[in-house]
Each structure stands twice: as structure tokens, then as C-alpha cells.
Amino acid sequence: MTQKQPQTKESSLPDLRRQIDMLDAQLISLLSMRQRCVERVIEIKRVQKLPARIPDRIDEVLERVRKLAEAEKLEPDLAVAVWREMIEQFIAYEERALSR
């Protein structure tokens, strides 16, 4: 799912900031959708008595993210760092939910 934004040398700083703000809004929307999926995962883990943290799954996700970043010409270490933090936050969210 590659979306390329037109790159022009005429873009002004305010134009680029508006573009960044729009992308941020899209990222928040996507994170919200991801959280809804995590909430469904929590229910399955609760029934199956699975822990929030599953190291093999974390490794699998981070490896896939690295490959996707490389394919999109995004700095892979940046992508992995962002995903690692996101995963940690979602694990904490799962742990809170599973402890209730």
C-alpha cells in the first residue's frame, strides 16, 4: 500500500506542515483501527489464557516491519524503533485489560 505524495520544489514550509498534519491524522486513524484489533485479540487471549507478551510474535512483526520499511525506502531502524515502542504500549494496554 504505497501512497506517493507529489514532490515539488515549490512547496512552502506551511504547505509541508499541512501535509504532515494530514498524515498525522491518518496515522492516528490507523492506530485507532489497530487498537480495535488489539481489543479483539485481548478477548481471544482471555479465553485461551494466553499472555499479553508473546516474544515470537513480536520478533515476527518487527522482522516484517523492517522488510516493509526497506521496500518503501524508509530507514529500517526508525521503523523498527517506532514499532517496538508501539508494541510495548499495546502490550501494556493488553496487560491492563487482561488483569481486570
N, C-alpha and C. Protein backbone atom coordinates (compact mmCIF):
# COMPACT_ATOMS: atom_id res chain seq x y z
N MET A 1 0.85 -1.17 0.00
CA MET A 1 0.00 0.00 0.00
C MET A 1 0.89 1.23 0.00
N THR A 2 1.38 1.57 -1.11
CA THR A 2 2.27 2.71 -1.25
C THR A 2 1.49 3.90 -1.76
N GLN A 3 1.53 4.98 -0.99
CA GLN A 3 0.92 6.22 -1.44
C GLN A 3 2.03 7.23 -1.57
N LYS A 4 2.22 7.73 -2.76
CA LYS A 4 3.25 8.72 -3.01
C LYS A 4 2.61 10.10 -3.08
N GLN A 5 3.19 11.02 -2.34
CA GLN A 5 2.73 12.40 -2.39
C GLN A 5 3.55 13.13 -3.44
N PRO A 6 2.91 14.01 -4.20
CA PRO A 6 3.67 14.76 -5.20
C PRO A 6 4.73 15.63 -4.52
N GLN A 7 5.92 15.56 -5.05
CA GLN A 7 7.01 16.34 -4.51
C GLN A 7 7.33 17.48 -5.49
N THR A 8 7.18 18.69 -5.02
CA THR A 8 7.52 19.82 -5.87
C THR A 8 8.45 20.74 -5.10
N LYS A 9 9.33 21.36 -5.82
CA LYS A 9 10.26 22.28 -5.18
C LYS A 9 9.55 23.55 -4.73
N GLU A 10 8.34 23.79 -5.27
CA GLU A 10 7.61 25.00 -4.92
C GLU A 10 6.89 24.89 -3.56
N SER A 11 6.87 23.69 -2.95
CA SER A 11 6.19 23.52 -1.67
C SER A 11 6.79 24.46 -0.63
N SER A 12 5.92 25.15 0.04
CA SER A 12 6.37 26.06 1.10
C SER A 12 6.35 25.31 2.43
N LEU A 13 7.00 25.88 3.41
CA LEU A 13 7.01 25.28 4.74
C LEU A 13 5.59 25.11 5.27
N PRO A 14 4.72 26.13 5.17
CA PRO A 14 3.34 25.91 5.62
C PRO A 14 2.62 24.79 4.86
N ASP A 15 2.88 24.68 3.56
CA ASP A 15 2.27 23.59 2.77
C ASP A 15 2.74 22.24 3.28
N LEU A 16 4.02 22.13 3.52
CA LEU A 16 4.57 20.86 4.00
C LEU A 16 4.06 20.54 5.40
N ARG A 17 3.92 21.57 6.24
CA ARG A 17 3.39 21.35 7.59
C ARG A 17 1.93 20.88 7.53
N ARG A 18 1.15 21.44 6.61
CA ARG A 18 -0.24 20.97 6.43
C ARG A 18 -0.26 19.51 5.98
N GLN A 19 0.64 19.18 5.08
CA GLN A 19 0.73 17.79 4.61
C GLN A 19 1.10 16.86 5.76
N ILE A 20 2.06 17.27 6.58
CA ILE A 20 2.44 16.46 7.76
C ILE A 20 1.26 16.32 8.71
N ASP A 21 0.52 17.40 8.94
CA ASP A 21 -0.65 17.33 9.82
C ASP A 21 -1.70 16.36 9.29
N MET A 22 -1.89 16.35 7.98
CA MET A 22 -2.85 15.41 7.37
C MET A 22 -2.36 13.98 7.53
N LEU A 23 -1.08 13.76 7.34
CA LEU A 23 -0.53 12.42 7.52
C LEU A 23 -0.64 11.97 8.97
N ASP A 24 -0.39 12.89 9.90
CA ASP A 24 -0.55 12.56 11.33
C ASP A 24 -1.98 12.13 11.63
N ALA A 25 -2.96 12.82 11.06
CA ALA A 25 -4.36 12.46 11.28
C ALA A 25 -4.63 11.06 10.73
N GLN A 26 -4.05 10.74 9.59
CA GLN A 26 -4.23 9.40 9.02
C GLN A 26 -3.57 8.34 9.90
N LEU A 27 -2.40 8.65 10.44
CA LEU A 27 -1.73 7.71 11.33
C LEU A 27 -2.55 7.46 12.59
N ILE A 28 -3.14 8.52 13.15
CA ILE A 28 -3.98 8.36 14.35
C ILE A 28 -5.17 7.47 14.03
N SER A 29 -5.78 7.68 12.88
CA SER A 29 -6.91 6.84 12.47
C SER A 29 -6.49 5.38 12.35
N LEU A 30 -5.34 5.14 11.75
CA LEU A 30 -4.84 3.77 11.60
C LEU A 30 -4.51 3.16 12.96
N LEU A 31 -3.93 3.94 13.86
CA LEU A 31 -3.64 3.43 15.20
C LEU A 31 -4.92 3.07 15.95
N SER A 32 -5.94 3.87 15.74
CA SER A 32 -7.24 3.57 16.35
C SER A 32 -7.79 2.24 15.83
N MET A 33 -7.67 2.01 14.53
CA MET A 33 -8.12 0.74 13.96
C MET A 33 -7.28 -0.41 14.52
N ARG A 34 -5.98 -0.18 14.68
CA ARG A 34 -5.12 -1.23 15.24
C ARG A 34 -5.53 -1.55 16.67
N GLN A 35 -5.87 -0.51 17.43
CA GLN A 35 -6.30 -0.72 18.81
C GLN A 35 -7.58 -1.55 18.85
N ARG A 36 -8.51 -1.30 17.93
CA ARG A 36 -9.74 -2.11 17.88
C ARG A 36 -9.40 -3.58 17.65
N CYS A 37 -8.43 -3.85 16.78
CA CYS A 37 -8.00 -5.24 16.55
C CYS A 37 -7.38 -5.82 17.82
N VAL A 38 -6.56 -5.03 18.49
CA VAL A 38 -5.93 -5.48 19.74
C VAL A 38 -7.01 -5.81 20.76
N GLU A 39 -8.07 -5.03 20.81
CA GLU A 39 -9.15 -5.31 21.76
C GLU A 39 -9.80 -6.66 21.47
N ARG A 40 -9.92 -7.02 20.22
CA ARG A 40 -10.46 -8.34 19.86
C ARG A 40 -9.45 -9.44 20.22
N VAL A 41 -8.17 -9.15 20.03
CA VAL A 41 -7.12 -10.10 20.42
C VAL A 41 -7.17 -10.34 21.93
N ILE A 42 -7.40 -9.30 22.70
CA ILE A 42 -7.47 -9.43 24.16
C ILE A 42 -8.56 -10.43 24.55
N GLU A 43 -9.69 -10.35 23.90
CA GLU A 43 -10.78 -11.28 24.22
C GLU A 43 -10.39 -12.72 23.92
N ILE A 44 -9.71 -12.94 22.81
CA ILE A 44 -9.24 -14.29 22.47
C ILE A 44 -8.20 -14.77 23.47
N LYS A 45 -7.25 -13.89 23.80
CA LYS A 45 -6.22 -14.27 24.76
C LYS A 45 -6.83 -14.56 26.13
N ARG A 46 -7.85 -13.81 26.50
CA ARG A 46 -8.52 -14.05 27.78
C ARG A 46 -9.13 -15.45 27.80
N VAL A 47 -9.84 -15.81 26.75
CA VAL A 47 -10.48 -17.12 26.67
C VAL A 47 -9.44 -18.24 26.64
N GLN A 48 -8.38 -18.04 25.85
CA GLN A 48 -7.36 -19.08 25.69
C GLN A 48 -6.27 -19.02 26.78
N LYS A 49 -6.43 -18.07 27.70
CA LYS A 49 -5.48 -17.89 28.81
C LYS A 49 -4.04 -17.68 28.30
N LEU A 50 -3.91 -16.85 27.29
CA LEU A 50 -2.61 -16.51 26.73
C LEU A 50 -2.10 -15.22 27.35
N PRO A 51 -0.77 -15.06 27.44
CA PRO A 51 -0.21 -13.81 27.97
C PRO A 51 -0.30 -12.69 26.94
N ALA A 52 -0.18 -11.48 27.44
CA ALA A 52 -0.15 -10.32 26.54
C ALA A 52 1.10 -10.36 25.66
N ARG A 53 2.22 -10.67 26.28
CA ARG A 53 3.52 -10.67 25.56
C ARG A 53 3.80 -12.06 25.01
N ILE A 54 3.94 -12.13 23.70
CA ILE A 54 4.33 -13.37 23.02
C ILE A 54 5.57 -13.04 22.19
N PRO A 55 6.76 -13.34 22.75
CA PRO A 55 8.01 -12.91 22.11
C PRO A 55 8.16 -13.32 20.64
N ASP A 56 7.76 -14.51 20.29
CA ASP A 56 7.89 -14.93 18.88
C ASP A 56 7.08 -14.03 17.95
N ARG A 57 5.90 -13.64 18.40
CA ARG A 57 5.05 -12.76 17.59
C ARG A 57 5.70 -11.38 17.46
N ILE A 58 6.28 -10.89 18.53
CA ILE A 58 6.97 -9.59 18.48
C ILE A 58 8.09 -9.63 17.45
N ASP A 59 8.91 -10.68 17.51
CA ASP A 59 10.01 -10.83 16.56
C ASP A 59 9.49 -10.88 15.12
N GLU A 60 8.41 -11.62 14.92
CA GLU A 60 7.80 -11.75 13.59
C GLU A 60 7.34 -10.39 13.05
N VAL A 61 6.68 -9.62 13.90
CA VAL A 61 6.18 -8.30 13.49
C VAL A 61 7.35 -7.37 13.16
N LEU A 62 8.35 -7.34 14.01
CA LEU A 62 9.48 -6.44 13.79
C LEU A 62 10.27 -6.81 12.53
N GLU A 63 10.40 -8.10 12.27
CA GLU A 63 11.08 -8.53 11.04
C GLU A 63 10.28 -8.10 9.80
N ARG A 64 8.96 -8.26 9.87
CA ARG A 64 8.11 -7.86 8.75
C ARG A 64 8.16 -6.35 8.54
N VAL A 65 8.15 -5.58 9.64
CA VAL A 65 8.23 -4.12 9.55
C VAL A 65 9.54 -3.69 8.92
N ARG A 66 10.63 -4.33 9.30
CA ARG A 66 11.94 -3.99 8.73
C ARG A 66 11.91 -4.19 7.21
N LYS A 67 11.38 -5.31 6.77
CA LYS A 67 11.31 -5.60 5.33
C LYS A 67 10.41 -4.61 4.60
N LEU A 68 9.28 -4.28 5.21
CA LEU A 68 8.37 -3.30 4.59
C LEU A 68 9.05 -1.94 4.49
N ALA A 69 9.75 -1.54 5.54
CA ALA A 69 10.44 -0.25 5.54
C ALA A 69 11.49 -0.21 4.43
N GLU A 70 12.26 -1.28 4.33
CA GLU A 70 13.28 -1.33 3.28
C GLU A 70 12.65 -1.20 1.89
N ALA A 71 11.52 -1.88 1.69
CA ALA A 71 10.84 -1.83 0.39
C ALA A 71 10.31 -0.43 0.09
N GLU A 72 9.96 0.31 1.12
CA GLU A 72 9.41 1.66 0.95
C GLU A 72 10.48 2.75 1.04
N LYS A 73 11.73 2.35 1.15
CA LYS A 73 12.85 3.31 1.26
C LYS A 73 12.73 4.17 2.52
N LEU A 74 12.21 3.56 3.58
CA LEU A 74 12.14 4.19 4.90
C LEU A 74 13.28 3.62 5.73
N GLU A 75 13.93 4.44 6.50
CA GLU A 75 15.03 3.99 7.35
C GLU A 75 14.52 2.83 8.23
N PRO A 76 15.01 1.61 8.01
CA PRO A 76 14.50 0.44 8.74
C PRO A 76 14.62 0.55 10.26
N ASP A 77 15.74 1.10 10.74
CA ASP A 77 15.91 1.23 12.19
C ASP A 77 14.87 2.18 12.79
N LEU A 78 14.50 3.21 12.05
CA LEU A 78 13.45 4.12 12.50
C LEU A 78 12.12 3.37 12.61
N ALA A 79 11.77 2.63 11.56
CA ALA A 79 10.51 1.90 11.57
C ALA A 79 10.47 0.89 12.71
N VAL A 80 11.55 0.15 12.90
CA VAL A 80 11.59 -0.85 13.96
C VAL A 80 11.48 -0.17 15.33
N ALA A 81 12.15 0.94 15.52
CA ALA A 81 12.08 1.64 16.80
C ALA A 81 10.66 2.13 17.09
N VAL A 82 10.01 2.68 16.08
CA VAL A 82 8.63 3.15 16.26
C VAL A 82 7.72 1.97 16.58
N TRP A 83 7.87 0.88 15.83
CA TRP A 83 7.01 -0.28 16.06
C TRP A 83 7.30 -0.92 17.41
N ARG A 84 8.56 -0.97 17.81
CA ARG A 84 8.90 -1.55 19.12
C ARG A 84 8.18 -0.79 20.23
N GLU A 85 8.21 0.54 20.15
CA GLU A 85 7.53 1.35 21.17
C GLU A 85 6.02 1.12 21.11
N MET A 86 5.48 1.09 19.89
CA MET A 86 4.03 0.88 19.73
C MET A 86 3.65 -0.48 20.31
N ILE A 87 4.43 -1.50 20.01
CA ILE A 87 4.15 -2.84 20.53
C ILE A 87 4.17 -2.82 22.06
N GLU A 88 5.17 -2.18 22.65
CA GLU A 88 5.25 -2.11 24.11
C GLU A 88 4.01 -1.43 24.71
N GLN A 89 3.57 -0.37 24.06
CA GLN A 89 2.38 0.33 24.55
C GLN A 89 1.13 -0.55 24.43
N PHE A 90 1.01 -1.27 23.32
CA PHE A 90 -0.15 -2.15 23.16
C PHE A 90 -0.07 -3.34 24.10
N ILE A 91 1.12 -3.85 24.39
CA ILE A 91 1.24 -4.94 25.36
C ILE A 91 0.80 -4.44 26.74
N ALA A 92 1.22 -3.25 27.11
CA ALA A 92 0.80 -2.68 28.39
C ALA A 92 -0.72 -2.54 28.43
N TYR A 93 -1.31 -2.12 27.32
CA TYR A 93 -2.76 -1.99 27.21
C TYR A 93 -3.42 -3.37 27.40
N GLU A 94 -2.87 -4.39 26.73
CA GLU A 94 -3.39 -5.75 26.87
C GLU A 94 -3.26 -6.23 28.31
N GLU A 95 -2.10 -6.00 28.93
CA GLU A 95 -1.89 -6.46 30.30
C GLU A 95 -2.89 -5.83 31.27
N ARG A 96 -3.16 -4.55 31.08
CA ARG A 96 -4.16 -3.90 31.94
C ARG A 96 -5.53 -4.55 31.75
N ALA A 97 -5.88 -4.77 30.50
CA ALA A 97 -7.20 -5.36 30.20
C ALA A 97 -7.29 -6.79 30.71
N LEU A 98 -6.23 -7.56 30.53
CA LEU A 98 -6.25 -8.96 30.95
C LEU A 98 -6.23 -9.11 32.46
N SER A 99 -5.75 -8.11 33.17
CA SER A 99 -5.70 -8.20 34.63
C SER A 99 -7.04 -7.86 35.30
N ARG A 100 -7.98 -7.34 34.49
CA ARG A 100 -9.30 -6.99 35.05
C ARG A 100 -10.17 -8.20 35.17
